[in-house]
Amino acid sequence: KWIFRPGGQILRMPIREGSGFDIMSTSRISPQKGRHEGMTRLWCVRHGHTIWNLEGRYNGLTDIPLDDFGVEQAEILAGQLAQNGVSYQAIYRSHLGRARQTAEILNKRLNLPVFIDQRLHEIELGEWEGRTYREIDIEYPREIEGRTSNAAHVRAPGGESALEVAHRVAAAADDIVRTYPDGDVLVVAHGVA
C-alpha cells in the first residue's frame, strides 16, 4: 500500500504478522524520481503484550507495563533483529513504559542510541481509558459505529481521532528522516501510533 506525502512516497508493508508484534517497514523515498540513495527505512514495532491486552481493555495513555509474555516477545524480537543483517542506526520510542521496556530489551542486543519522542504515544482515549471493549460497545454504540464508518475523524469522548494521531506521528517520522536521511531506524510505539 502506497501512501503519498509531500516530498516523497512512503511505502508501508508488513514484515511479520501473528507474533504479537506488529512490525512494519516504512520507506521514505527521495523526491527525485529513480533515486534510491537518501532513503530511510523506519522499522515500526508495536510494544509487547500487556495484561490489559489480555483483559481486552483500551490502553491509551495509561502507563501499563509489559507482562511476562510481552517481555518474552521483546526478547525474541531482539534476537531476530540482531540476526537479520540490517544495520540499524537508532531507536526512537514513545515515552510510555510499555514502549520503553520493549526498546530497552531490544537495545540489550542492538546497542543503539535511543531517543524519546512524545509524539509517538498511543492514541488518547479519554473516557475509554482502562475500560473493556465490551463496556465501550454497550455504553457508546454510536461512537463505535462511527469508528467503523469514519475511523479517521471519530474520537472517544475526551480523546483524539486517528487523523490527529496520524498528523503527530507523521511529523515525528519526518523529523527522524531528517536526522537519519539514509539508513534503518527502529521506532517502538503503539497499536494506533
N, C-alpha and C. Protein backbone atom coordinates (compact mmCIF):
# COMPACT_ATOMS: atom_id res chain seq x y z
N LYS A 1 0.85 -1.17 0.00
CA LYS A 1 0.00 0.00 0.00
C LYS A 1 0.89 1.23 0.00
N TRP A 2 0.69 2.11 -0.94
CA TRP A 2 1.45 3.35 -1.01
C TRP A 2 0.67 4.47 -0.36
N ILE A 3 1.33 5.28 0.41
CA ILE A 3 0.74 6.49 0.97
C ILE A 3 1.58 7.63 0.44
N PHE A 4 0.98 8.55 -0.30
CA PHE A 4 1.73 9.65 -0.89
C PHE A 4 1.79 10.82 0.07
N ARG A 5 2.97 11.39 0.19
CA ARG A 5 3.17 12.55 1.07
C ARG A 5 4.02 13.57 0.34
N PRO A 6 3.93 14.84 0.69
CA PRO A 6 4.76 15.86 0.06
C PRO A 6 6.24 15.49 0.21
N GLY A 7 6.99 15.66 -0.86
CA GLY A 7 8.42 15.41 -0.81
C GLY A 7 8.82 13.97 -1.04
N GLY A 8 7.90 13.08 -1.25
CA GLY A 8 8.29 11.69 -1.48
C GLY A 8 7.13 10.74 -1.27
N GLN A 9 7.42 9.48 -1.33
CA GLN A 9 6.41 8.45 -1.12
C GLN A 9 6.79 7.66 0.11
N ILE A 10 5.81 7.21 0.82
CA ILE A 10 6.06 6.33 1.96
C ILE A 10 5.45 4.98 1.62
N LEU A 11 6.27 3.96 1.67
CA LEU A 11 5.81 2.60 1.41
C LEU A 11 5.66 1.89 2.74
N ARG A 12 4.49 1.32 2.98
CA ARG A 12 4.26 0.55 4.21
C ARG A 12 3.95 -0.87 3.82
N MET A 13 4.67 -1.81 4.41
CA MET A 13 4.39 -3.21 4.12
C MET A 13 4.63 -4.04 5.37
N PRO A 14 3.80 -5.06 5.62
CA PRO A 14 4.02 -5.90 6.80
C PRO A 14 5.30 -6.70 6.66
N ILE A 15 6.06 -6.75 7.72
CA ILE A 15 7.28 -7.54 7.76
C ILE A 15 7.01 -8.87 8.44
N ARG A 16 6.31 -8.84 9.55
CA ARG A 16 6.00 -10.06 10.28
C ARG A 16 4.68 -9.87 11.00
N GLU A 17 3.78 -10.80 10.84
CA GLU A 17 2.49 -10.71 11.49
C GLU A 17 2.25 -11.96 12.31
N GLY A 18 1.37 -11.86 13.28
CA GLY A 18 0.95 -13.02 14.05
C GLY A 18 1.86 -13.38 15.20
N SER A 19 2.86 -12.55 15.50
CA SER A 19 3.78 -12.86 16.57
C SER A 19 3.44 -12.11 17.85
N GLY A 20 2.39 -11.32 17.82
CA GLY A 20 2.09 -10.46 18.94
C GLY A 20 2.66 -9.08 18.74
N PHE A 21 3.59 -8.94 17.83
CA PHE A 21 4.13 -7.65 17.46
C PHE A 21 3.61 -7.30 16.08
N ASP A 22 3.35 -6.04 15.85
CA ASP A 22 3.04 -5.56 14.51
C ASP A 22 4.30 -4.84 14.04
N ILE A 23 5.03 -5.44 13.13
CA ILE A 23 6.27 -4.85 12.65
C ILE A 23 6.04 -4.38 11.23
N MET A 24 6.28 -3.12 11.00
CA MET A 24 6.12 -2.55 9.67
C MET A 24 7.43 -1.90 9.27
N SER A 25 7.76 -1.97 8.01
CA SER A 25 8.88 -1.22 7.47
C SER A 25 8.31 -0.12 6.61
N THR A 26 8.68 1.11 6.89
CA THR A 26 8.19 2.26 6.14
C THR A 26 9.39 2.93 5.51
N SER A 27 9.38 3.08 4.19
CA SER A 27 10.50 3.69 3.49
C SER A 27 10.10 5.05 2.97
N ARG A 28 10.89 6.03 3.26
CA ARG A 28 10.68 7.36 2.70
C ARG A 28 11.64 7.50 1.53
N ILE A 29 11.10 7.68 0.34
CA ILE A 29 11.89 7.71 -0.86
C ILE A 29 12.16 9.16 -1.25
N SER A 30 13.37 9.41 -1.69
CA SER A 30 13.78 10.74 -2.12
C SER A 30 12.83 11.26 -3.20
N PRO A 31 12.55 12.58 -3.21
CA PRO A 31 11.62 13.13 -4.20
C PRO A 31 12.12 13.03 -5.64
N GLN A 32 13.43 12.89 -5.85
CA GLN A 32 13.95 12.76 -7.20
C GLN A 32 13.61 11.38 -7.74
N LYS A 33 12.90 11.33 -8.86
CA LYS A 33 12.47 10.05 -9.44
C LYS A 33 13.68 9.18 -9.75
N GLY A 34 13.56 7.91 -9.39
CA GLY A 34 14.60 6.95 -9.72
C GLY A 34 15.79 6.98 -8.78
N ARG A 35 15.81 7.86 -7.85
CA ARG A 35 16.94 7.97 -6.95
C ARG A 35 16.70 7.13 -5.72
N HIS A 36 17.63 6.26 -5.36
CA HIS A 36 17.44 5.39 -4.20
C HIS A 36 18.35 5.74 -3.05
N GLU A 37 19.40 6.54 -3.30
CA GLU A 37 20.17 6.96 -2.15
C GLU A 37 19.33 7.97 -1.37
N GLY A 38 19.64 8.13 -0.13
CA GLY A 38 18.86 9.05 0.69
C GLY A 38 17.51 8.47 1.12
N MET A 39 17.42 7.16 1.17
CA MET A 39 16.18 6.54 1.59
C MET A 39 16.32 6.07 3.04
N THR A 40 15.35 6.41 3.84
CA THR A 40 15.31 5.97 5.22
C THR A 40 14.23 4.92 5.37
N ARG A 41 14.57 3.82 6.03
CA ARG A 41 13.56 2.82 6.34
C ARG A 41 13.28 2.88 7.83
N LEU A 42 12.02 3.12 8.16
CA LEU A 42 11.58 3.13 9.55
C LEU A 42 10.94 1.79 9.85
N TRP A 43 11.53 1.05 10.78
CA TRP A 43 11.01 -0.26 11.19
C TRP A 43 10.14 -0.02 12.42
N CYS A 44 8.83 -0.05 12.22
CA CYS A 44 7.89 0.28 13.28
C CYS A 44 7.51 -0.97 14.06
N VAL A 45 7.73 -0.93 15.35
CA VAL A 45 7.49 -2.07 16.24
C VAL A 45 6.46 -1.65 17.28
N ARG A 46 5.38 -2.41 17.38
CA ARG A 46 4.43 -2.19 18.47
C ARG A 46 5.01 -2.84 19.72
N HIS A 47 4.83 -2.18 20.85
CA HIS A 47 5.31 -2.72 22.13
C HIS A 47 4.79 -4.13 22.36
N GLY A 48 5.40 -4.82 23.30
CA GLY A 48 4.98 -6.17 23.65
C GLY A 48 3.65 -6.19 24.40
N HIS A 49 3.18 -7.37 24.67
CA HIS A 49 1.89 -7.66 25.30
C HIS A 49 1.82 -7.10 26.71
N THR A 50 0.61 -6.64 27.09
CA THR A 50 0.35 -6.20 28.46
C THR A 50 -0.85 -6.97 29.01
N ILE A 51 -1.05 -6.91 30.30
CA ILE A 51 -2.20 -7.56 30.92
C ILE A 51 -3.51 -6.98 30.38
N TRP A 52 -3.50 -5.69 30.07
CA TRP A 52 -4.71 -5.08 29.52
C TRP A 52 -5.04 -5.61 28.13
N ASN A 53 -4.03 -6.02 27.36
CA ASN A 53 -4.31 -6.68 26.07
C ASN A 53 -5.09 -7.96 26.35
N LEU A 54 -4.66 -8.72 27.34
CA LEU A 54 -5.32 -9.97 27.69
C LEU A 54 -6.75 -9.73 28.18
N GLU A 55 -6.94 -8.68 28.95
CA GLU A 55 -8.25 -8.37 29.51
C GLU A 55 -9.17 -7.66 28.52
N GLY A 56 -8.66 -7.28 27.34
CA GLY A 56 -9.48 -6.58 26.36
C GLY A 56 -9.81 -5.17 26.78
N ARG A 57 -8.82 -4.45 27.32
CA ARG A 57 -9.02 -3.07 27.77
C ARG A 57 -8.32 -2.09 26.83
N TYR A 58 -8.89 -0.90 26.73
CA TYR A 58 -8.26 0.18 25.98
C TYR A 58 -7.11 0.75 26.81
N ASN A 59 -5.90 0.70 26.24
CA ASN A 59 -4.71 1.21 26.94
C ASN A 59 -4.59 2.72 26.87
N GLY A 60 -4.54 3.27 25.67
CA GLY A 60 -4.37 4.70 25.52
C GLY A 60 -3.12 5.19 26.23
N LEU A 61 -3.26 6.27 26.97
CA LEU A 61 -2.12 6.88 27.66
C LEU A 61 -1.87 6.28 29.05
N THR A 62 -2.72 5.38 29.49
CA THR A 62 -2.49 4.73 30.77
C THR A 62 -1.20 3.94 30.68
N ASP A 63 -0.33 4.12 31.64
CA ASP A 63 1.02 3.56 31.56
C ASP A 63 1.06 2.15 32.16
N ILE A 64 0.69 1.19 31.34
CA ILE A 64 0.64 -0.22 31.73
C ILE A 64 1.95 -0.89 31.32
N PRO A 65 2.61 -1.62 32.22
CA PRO A 65 3.88 -2.28 31.85
C PRO A 65 3.64 -3.55 31.04
N LEU A 66 4.70 -4.04 30.42
CA LEU A 66 4.63 -5.33 29.75
C LEU A 66 4.36 -6.42 30.78
N ASP A 67 3.64 -7.45 30.38
CA ASP A 67 3.51 -8.62 31.24
C ASP A 67 4.64 -9.59 30.86
N ASP A 68 4.69 -10.75 31.50
CA ASP A 68 5.77 -11.71 31.22
C ASP A 68 5.81 -12.12 29.75
N PHE A 69 4.63 -12.30 29.16
CA PHE A 69 4.58 -12.66 27.75
C PHE A 69 5.13 -11.54 26.88
N GLY A 70 4.83 -10.30 27.22
CA GLY A 70 5.35 -9.14 26.48
C GLY A 70 6.86 -9.04 26.56
N VAL A 71 7.42 -9.34 27.73
CA VAL A 71 8.88 -9.36 27.88
C VAL A 71 9.47 -10.45 26.99
N GLU A 72 8.86 -11.62 27.02
CA GLU A 72 9.34 -12.72 26.19
C GLU A 72 9.26 -12.36 24.70
N GLN A 73 8.17 -11.73 24.29
CA GLN A 73 8.04 -11.30 22.89
C GLN A 73 9.19 -10.36 22.51
N ALA A 74 9.46 -9.39 23.37
CA ALA A 74 10.52 -8.42 23.07
C ALA A 74 11.88 -9.10 22.99
N GLU A 75 12.13 -10.07 23.87
CA GLU A 75 13.40 -10.80 23.83
C GLU A 75 13.55 -11.60 22.54
N ILE A 76 12.47 -12.23 22.09
CA ILE A 76 12.51 -12.98 20.83
C ILE A 76 12.76 -12.03 19.67
N LEU A 77 12.03 -10.93 19.65
CA LEU A 77 12.22 -9.96 18.57
C LEU A 77 13.64 -9.40 18.57
N ALA A 78 14.19 -9.13 19.74
CA ALA A 78 15.56 -8.61 19.82
C ALA A 78 16.54 -9.56 19.15
N GLY A 79 16.39 -10.85 19.40
CA GLY A 79 17.24 -11.84 18.76
C GLY A 79 17.08 -11.84 17.25
N GLN A 80 15.84 -11.73 16.79
CA GLN A 80 15.59 -11.72 15.35
C GLN A 80 16.18 -10.47 14.70
N LEU A 81 16.01 -9.32 15.32
CA LEU A 81 16.55 -8.08 14.76
C LEU A 81 18.06 -8.07 14.76
N ALA A 82 18.66 -8.67 15.78
CA ALA A 82 20.12 -8.71 15.86
C ALA A 82 20.72 -9.61 14.78
N GLN A 83 19.93 -10.53 14.26
CA GLN A 83 20.45 -11.51 13.29
C GLN A 83 19.92 -11.32 11.87
N ASN A 84 19.16 -10.26 11.60
CA ASN A 84 18.54 -10.14 10.28
C ASN A 84 19.42 -9.43 9.25
N GLY A 85 20.64 -9.04 9.62
CA GLY A 85 21.56 -8.44 8.66
C GLY A 85 21.35 -6.96 8.41
N VAL A 86 20.43 -6.33 9.14
CA VAL A 86 20.19 -4.90 8.97
C VAL A 86 21.03 -4.14 10.00
N SER A 87 21.68 -3.08 9.56
CA SER A 87 22.47 -2.22 10.45
C SER A 87 21.62 -1.03 10.87
N TYR A 88 20.93 -1.17 11.98
CA TYR A 88 20.08 -0.09 12.47
C TYR A 88 20.95 1.04 13.00
N GLN A 89 20.46 2.26 12.86
CA GLN A 89 21.22 3.43 13.30
C GLN A 89 20.76 3.96 14.65
N ALA A 90 19.50 3.77 14.99
CA ALA A 90 18.97 4.32 16.24
C ALA A 90 17.62 3.66 16.54
N ILE A 91 17.17 3.90 17.77
CA ILE A 91 15.82 3.52 18.19
C ILE A 91 15.12 4.79 18.66
N TYR A 92 13.94 5.03 18.15
CA TYR A 92 13.06 6.08 18.66
C TYR A 92 11.91 5.38 19.34
N ARG A 93 11.43 5.97 20.45
CA ARG A 93 10.35 5.32 21.17
C ARG A 93 9.41 6.33 21.79
N SER A 94 8.24 5.86 22.10
CA SER A 94 7.26 6.59 22.88
C SER A 94 7.77 6.73 24.31
N HIS A 95 7.23 7.70 25.03
CA HIS A 95 7.61 7.88 26.43
C HIS A 95 6.89 6.91 27.37
N LEU A 96 5.89 6.20 26.89
CA LEU A 96 5.13 5.30 27.76
C LEU A 96 5.96 4.07 28.13
N GLY A 97 5.73 3.55 29.33
CA GLY A 97 6.54 2.47 29.89
C GLY A 97 6.60 1.21 29.05
N ARG A 98 5.48 0.82 28.44
CA ARG A 98 5.49 -0.42 27.65
C ARG A 98 6.37 -0.29 26.41
N ALA A 99 6.44 0.90 25.83
CA ALA A 99 7.35 1.13 24.70
C ALA A 99 8.79 1.24 25.21
N ARG A 100 8.97 1.88 26.38
CA ARG A 100 10.32 1.98 26.97
C ARG A 100 10.88 0.60 27.25
N GLN A 101 10.07 -0.26 27.90
CA GLN A 101 10.52 -1.62 28.22
C GLN A 101 10.89 -2.39 26.96
N THR A 102 10.04 -2.30 25.94
CA THR A 102 10.31 -3.01 24.70
C THR A 102 11.61 -2.52 24.08
N ALA A 103 11.78 -1.20 24.00
CA ALA A 103 13.00 -0.63 23.42
C ALA A 103 14.24 -1.02 24.21
N GLU A 104 14.14 -1.02 25.54
CA GLU A 104 15.30 -1.41 26.37
C GLU A 104 15.69 -2.86 26.12
N ILE A 105 14.71 -3.73 26.01
CA ILE A 105 15.01 -5.15 25.75
C ILE A 105 15.64 -5.31 24.37
N LEU A 106 15.10 -4.62 23.36
CA LEU A 106 15.70 -4.68 22.02
C LEU A 106 17.13 -4.17 22.05
N ASN A 107 17.34 -3.10 22.80
CA ASN A 107 18.65 -2.46 22.78
C ASN A 107 19.73 -3.23 23.54
N LYS A 108 19.34 -4.16 24.39
CA LYS A 108 20.35 -5.02 25.03
C LYS A 108 21.12 -5.80 23.97
N ARG A 109 20.46 -6.14 22.86
CA ARG A 109 21.10 -6.87 21.77
C ARG A 109 21.66 -5.96 20.69
N LEU A 110 21.09 -4.76 20.54
CA LEU A 110 21.44 -3.91 19.41
C LEU A 110 22.42 -2.79 19.75
N ASN A 111 22.44 -2.34 21.00
CA ASN A 111 23.37 -1.31 21.46
C ASN A 111 23.35 -0.07 20.57
N LEU A 112 22.19 0.59 20.53
CA LEU A 112 22.00 1.77 19.68
C LEU A 112 21.66 3.00 20.52
N PRO A 113 21.83 4.19 19.95
CA PRO A 113 21.31 5.37 20.65
C PRO A 113 19.78 5.29 20.68
N VAL A 114 19.19 5.67 21.81
CA VAL A 114 17.74 5.62 21.97
C VAL A 114 17.24 7.03 22.22
N PHE A 115 16.20 7.42 21.50
CA PHE A 115 15.61 8.75 21.62
C PHE A 115 14.13 8.62 21.95
N ILE A 116 13.66 9.50 22.83
CA ILE A 116 12.24 9.53 23.20
C ILE A 116 11.58 10.64 22.40
N ASP A 117 10.46 10.31 21.78
CA ASP A 117 9.68 11.32 21.07
C ASP A 117 8.24 11.24 21.59
N GLN A 118 7.81 12.30 22.26
CA GLN A 118 6.47 12.33 22.87
C GLN A 118 5.36 12.14 21.85
N ARG A 119 5.62 12.48 20.59
CA ARG A 119 4.58 12.38 19.55
C ARG A 119 4.27 10.94 19.18
N LEU A 120 5.07 9.99 19.64
CA LEU A 120 4.86 8.58 19.32
C LEU A 120 3.94 7.87 20.31
N HIS A 121 3.36 8.61 21.27
CA HIS A 121 2.50 7.95 22.25
C HIS A 121 1.22 7.43 21.62
N GLU A 122 0.58 6.52 22.33
CA GLU A 122 -0.66 5.89 21.85
C GLU A 122 -1.77 6.94 21.75
N ILE A 123 -2.81 6.60 21.01
CA ILE A 123 -3.96 7.48 20.87
C ILE A 123 -4.54 7.80 22.24
N GLU A 124 -4.93 9.06 22.44
CA GLU A 124 -5.58 9.46 23.68
C GLU A 124 -7.04 9.00 23.61
N LEU A 125 -7.47 8.21 24.59
CA LEU A 125 -8.80 7.60 24.54
C LEU A 125 -9.79 8.19 25.54
N GLY A 126 -9.41 9.25 26.22
CA GLY A 126 -10.35 9.95 27.08
C GLY A 126 -11.10 9.04 28.02
N GLU A 127 -12.43 9.08 27.95
CA GLU A 127 -13.30 8.31 28.86
C GLU A 127 -13.20 6.80 28.66
N TRP A 128 -12.57 6.37 27.57
CA TRP A 128 -12.47 4.94 27.31
C TRP A 128 -11.24 4.30 27.95
N GLU A 129 -10.33 5.10 28.45
CA GLU A 129 -9.08 4.58 29.05
C GLU A 129 -9.39 3.55 30.14
N GLY A 130 -8.78 2.38 30.03
CA GLY A 130 -8.91 1.35 31.06
C GLY A 130 -10.21 0.57 31.03
N ARG A 131 -11.12 0.98 30.17
CA ARG A 131 -12.41 0.29 30.07
C ARG A 131 -12.27 -0.88 29.11
N THR A 132 -13.12 -1.90 29.27
CA THR A 132 -13.06 -3.06 28.36
C THR A 132 -13.76 -2.72 27.05
N TYR A 133 -13.39 -3.45 26.03
CA TYR A 133 -14.02 -3.27 24.72
C TYR A 133 -15.52 -3.49 24.84
N ARG A 134 -15.90 -4.51 25.59
CA ARG A 134 -17.33 -4.83 25.76
C ARG A 134 -18.07 -3.68 26.43
N GLU A 135 -17.52 -3.10 27.49
CA GLU A 135 -18.16 -1.96 28.15
C GLU A 135 -18.38 -0.80 27.17
N ILE A 136 -17.38 -0.52 26.38
CA ILE A 136 -17.47 0.59 25.43
C ILE A 136 -18.49 0.28 24.34
N ASP A 137 -18.52 -0.96 23.86
CA ASP A 137 -19.51 -1.35 22.85
C ASP A 137 -20.93 -1.11 23.36
N ILE A 138 -21.17 -1.40 24.64
CA ILE A 138 -22.51 -1.27 25.22
C ILE A 138 -22.84 0.20 25.51
N GLU A 139 -21.88 0.94 26.09
CA GLU A 139 -22.15 2.30 26.54
C GLU A 139 -22.02 3.37 25.45
N TYR A 140 -21.29 3.07 24.39
CA TYR A 140 -21.04 4.06 23.33
C TYR A 140 -21.30 3.47 21.94
N PRO A 141 -22.49 2.93 21.71
CA PRO A 141 -22.73 2.28 20.42
C PRO A 141 -22.62 3.23 19.22
N ARG A 142 -23.06 4.48 19.37
CA ARG A 142 -22.99 5.43 18.26
C ARG A 142 -21.54 5.75 17.91
N GLU A 143 -20.70 5.93 18.91
CA GLU A 143 -19.30 6.23 18.66
C GLU A 143 -18.58 5.04 18.03
N ILE A 144 -18.92 3.83 18.50
CA ILE A 144 -18.32 2.63 17.93
C ILE A 144 -18.73 2.49 16.47
N GLU A 145 -19.99 2.73 16.16
CA GLU A 145 -20.46 2.69 14.77
C GLU A 145 -19.72 3.74 13.94
N GLY A 146 -19.53 4.91 14.50
CA GLY A 146 -18.81 5.97 13.81
C GLY A 146 -17.36 5.61 13.54
N ARG A 147 -16.74 4.90 14.47
CA ARG A 147 -15.35 4.47 14.27
C ARG A 147 -15.26 3.46 13.13
N THR A 148 -16.31 2.69 12.93
CA THR A 148 -16.32 1.72 11.84
C THR A 148 -16.50 2.42 10.49
N SER A 149 -17.38 3.41 10.44
CA SER A 149 -17.69 4.07 9.17
C SER A 149 -16.81 5.27 8.87
N ASN A 150 -16.23 5.90 9.88
CA ASN A 150 -15.45 7.13 9.69
C ASN A 150 -14.31 7.16 10.70
N ALA A 151 -13.49 6.13 10.69
CA ALA A 151 -12.47 5.92 11.72
C ALA A 151 -11.49 7.09 11.85
N ALA A 152 -11.20 7.78 10.78
CA ALA A 152 -10.20 8.84 10.82
C ALA A 152 -10.64 10.02 11.69
N HIS A 153 -11.93 10.28 11.76
CA HIS A 153 -12.39 11.52 12.40
C HIS A 153 -13.11 11.33 13.73
N VAL A 154 -13.56 10.13 14.03
CA VAL A 154 -14.32 9.90 15.26
C VAL A 154 -13.35 9.71 16.43
N ARG A 155 -13.73 10.26 17.57
CA ARG A 155 -12.88 10.13 18.76
C ARG A 155 -13.71 9.71 19.96
N ALA A 156 -13.04 9.06 20.90
CA ALA A 156 -13.68 8.77 22.18
C ALA A 156 -13.90 10.11 22.89
N PRO A 157 -14.95 10.22 23.72
CA PRO A 157 -15.16 11.46 24.47
C PRO A 157 -13.91 11.82 25.28
N GLY A 158 -13.39 13.01 25.03
CA GLY A 158 -12.17 13.46 25.72
C GLY A 158 -10.89 12.94 25.10
N GLY A 159 -11.00 12.23 23.98
CA GLY A 159 -9.83 11.64 23.34
C GLY A 159 -9.48 12.34 22.04
N GLU A 160 -8.66 11.69 21.23
CA GLU A 160 -8.26 12.25 19.94
C GLU A 160 -8.64 11.29 18.83
N SER A 161 -8.70 11.80 17.62
CA SER A 161 -9.06 10.99 16.46
C SER A 161 -7.82 10.32 15.87
N ALA A 162 -8.05 9.31 15.05
CA ALA A 162 -6.94 8.63 14.37
C ALA A 162 -6.22 9.60 13.44
N LEU A 163 -6.94 10.54 12.84
CA LEU A 163 -6.32 11.53 11.97
C LEU A 163 -5.37 12.43 12.76
N GLU A 164 -5.77 12.82 13.95
CA GLU A 164 -4.88 13.63 14.80
C GLU A 164 -3.62 12.84 15.17
N VAL A 165 -3.78 11.55 15.45
CA VAL A 165 -2.63 10.70 15.73
C VAL A 165 -1.73 10.64 14.50
N ALA A 166 -2.32 10.45 13.33
CA ALA A 166 -1.54 10.34 12.09
C ALA A 166 -0.72 11.60 11.85
N HIS A 167 -1.29 12.77 12.11
CA HIS A 167 -0.55 14.02 11.90
C HIS A 167 0.66 14.13 12.81
N ARG A 168 0.49 13.79 14.10
CA ARG A 168 1.63 13.93 15.00
C ARG A 168 2.70 12.87 14.74
N VAL A 169 2.27 11.64 14.40
CA VAL A 169 3.23 10.58 14.11
C VAL A 169 3.97 10.88 12.80
N ALA A 170 3.27 11.42 11.80
CA ALA A 170 3.92 11.79 10.54
C ALA A 170 4.96 12.88 10.78
N ALA A 171 4.66 13.84 11.65
CA ALA A 171 5.63 14.89 11.96
C ALA A 171 6.86 14.30 12.64
N ALA A 172 6.65 13.34 13.54
CA ALA A 172 7.79 12.66 14.18
C ALA A 172 8.60 11.90 13.15
N ALA A 173 7.93 11.18 12.25
CA ALA A 173 8.63 10.42 11.21
C ALA A 173 9.44 11.34 10.31
N ASP A 174 8.86 12.48 9.95
CA ASP A 174 9.60 13.44 9.12
C ASP A 174 10.87 13.91 9.83
N ASP A 175 10.79 14.16 11.14
CA ASP A 175 11.98 14.59 11.89
C ASP A 175 13.02 13.48 11.98
N ILE A 176 12.58 12.25 12.15
CA ILE A 176 13.51 11.11 12.19
C ILE A 176 14.23 10.99 10.85
N VAL A 177 13.48 11.12 9.76
CA VAL A 177 14.07 11.01 8.42
C VAL A 177 15.08 12.14 8.19
N ARG A 178 14.79 13.34 8.67
CA ARG A 178 15.75 14.45 8.54
C ARG A 178 17.03 14.16 9.33
N THR A 179 16.89 13.52 10.48
CA THR A 179 18.05 13.20 11.32
C THR A 179 18.85 12.05 10.74
N TYR A 180 18.16 11.05 10.20
CA TYR A 180 18.79 9.87 9.60
C TYR A 180 18.32 9.75 8.14
N PRO A 181 18.91 10.55 7.23
CA PRO A 181 18.41 10.59 5.86
C PRO A 181 18.72 9.36 5.03
N ASP A 182 19.52 8.45 5.53
CA ASP A 182 19.86 7.27 4.76
C ASP A 182 20.16 6.13 5.72
N GLY A 183 19.27 5.17 5.83
CA GLY A 183 19.52 4.04 6.71
C GLY A 183 18.27 3.49 7.34
N ASP A 184 18.45 2.68 8.36
CA ASP A 184 17.37 1.97 9.03
C ASP A 184 17.26 2.41 10.48
N VAL A 185 16.04 2.76 10.89
CA VAL A 185 15.78 3.23 12.24
C VAL A 185 14.60 2.45 12.79
N LEU A 186 14.73 1.96 14.03
CA LEU A 186 13.61 1.30 14.72
C LEU A 186 12.76 2.34 15.43
N VAL A 187 11.45 2.20 15.33
CA VAL A 187 10.51 3.07 16.02
C VAL A 187 9.61 2.18 16.86
N VAL A 188 9.74 2.29 18.18
CA VAL A 188 8.94 1.46 19.10
C VAL A 188 7.79 2.32 19.61
N ALA A 189 6.58 1.93 19.21
CA ALA A 189 5.42 2.73 19.56
C ALA A 189 4.24 1.83 19.92
N HIS A 190 3.07 2.11 19.36
CA HIS A 190 1.84 1.51 19.83
C HIS A 190 0.97 1.04 18.67
N GLY A 191 -0.21 0.52 19.01
CA GLY A 191 -1.10 -0.03 18.00
C GLY A 191 -1.66 1.00 17.05
N VAL A 192 -2.02 2.18 17.54
CA VAL A 192 -2.53 3.24 16.66
C VAL A 192 -1.41 4.20 16.30
N ALA A 193 -0.56 4.53 17.24
CA ALA A 193 0.55 5.47 16.95
C ALA A 193 1.75 4.70 16.45
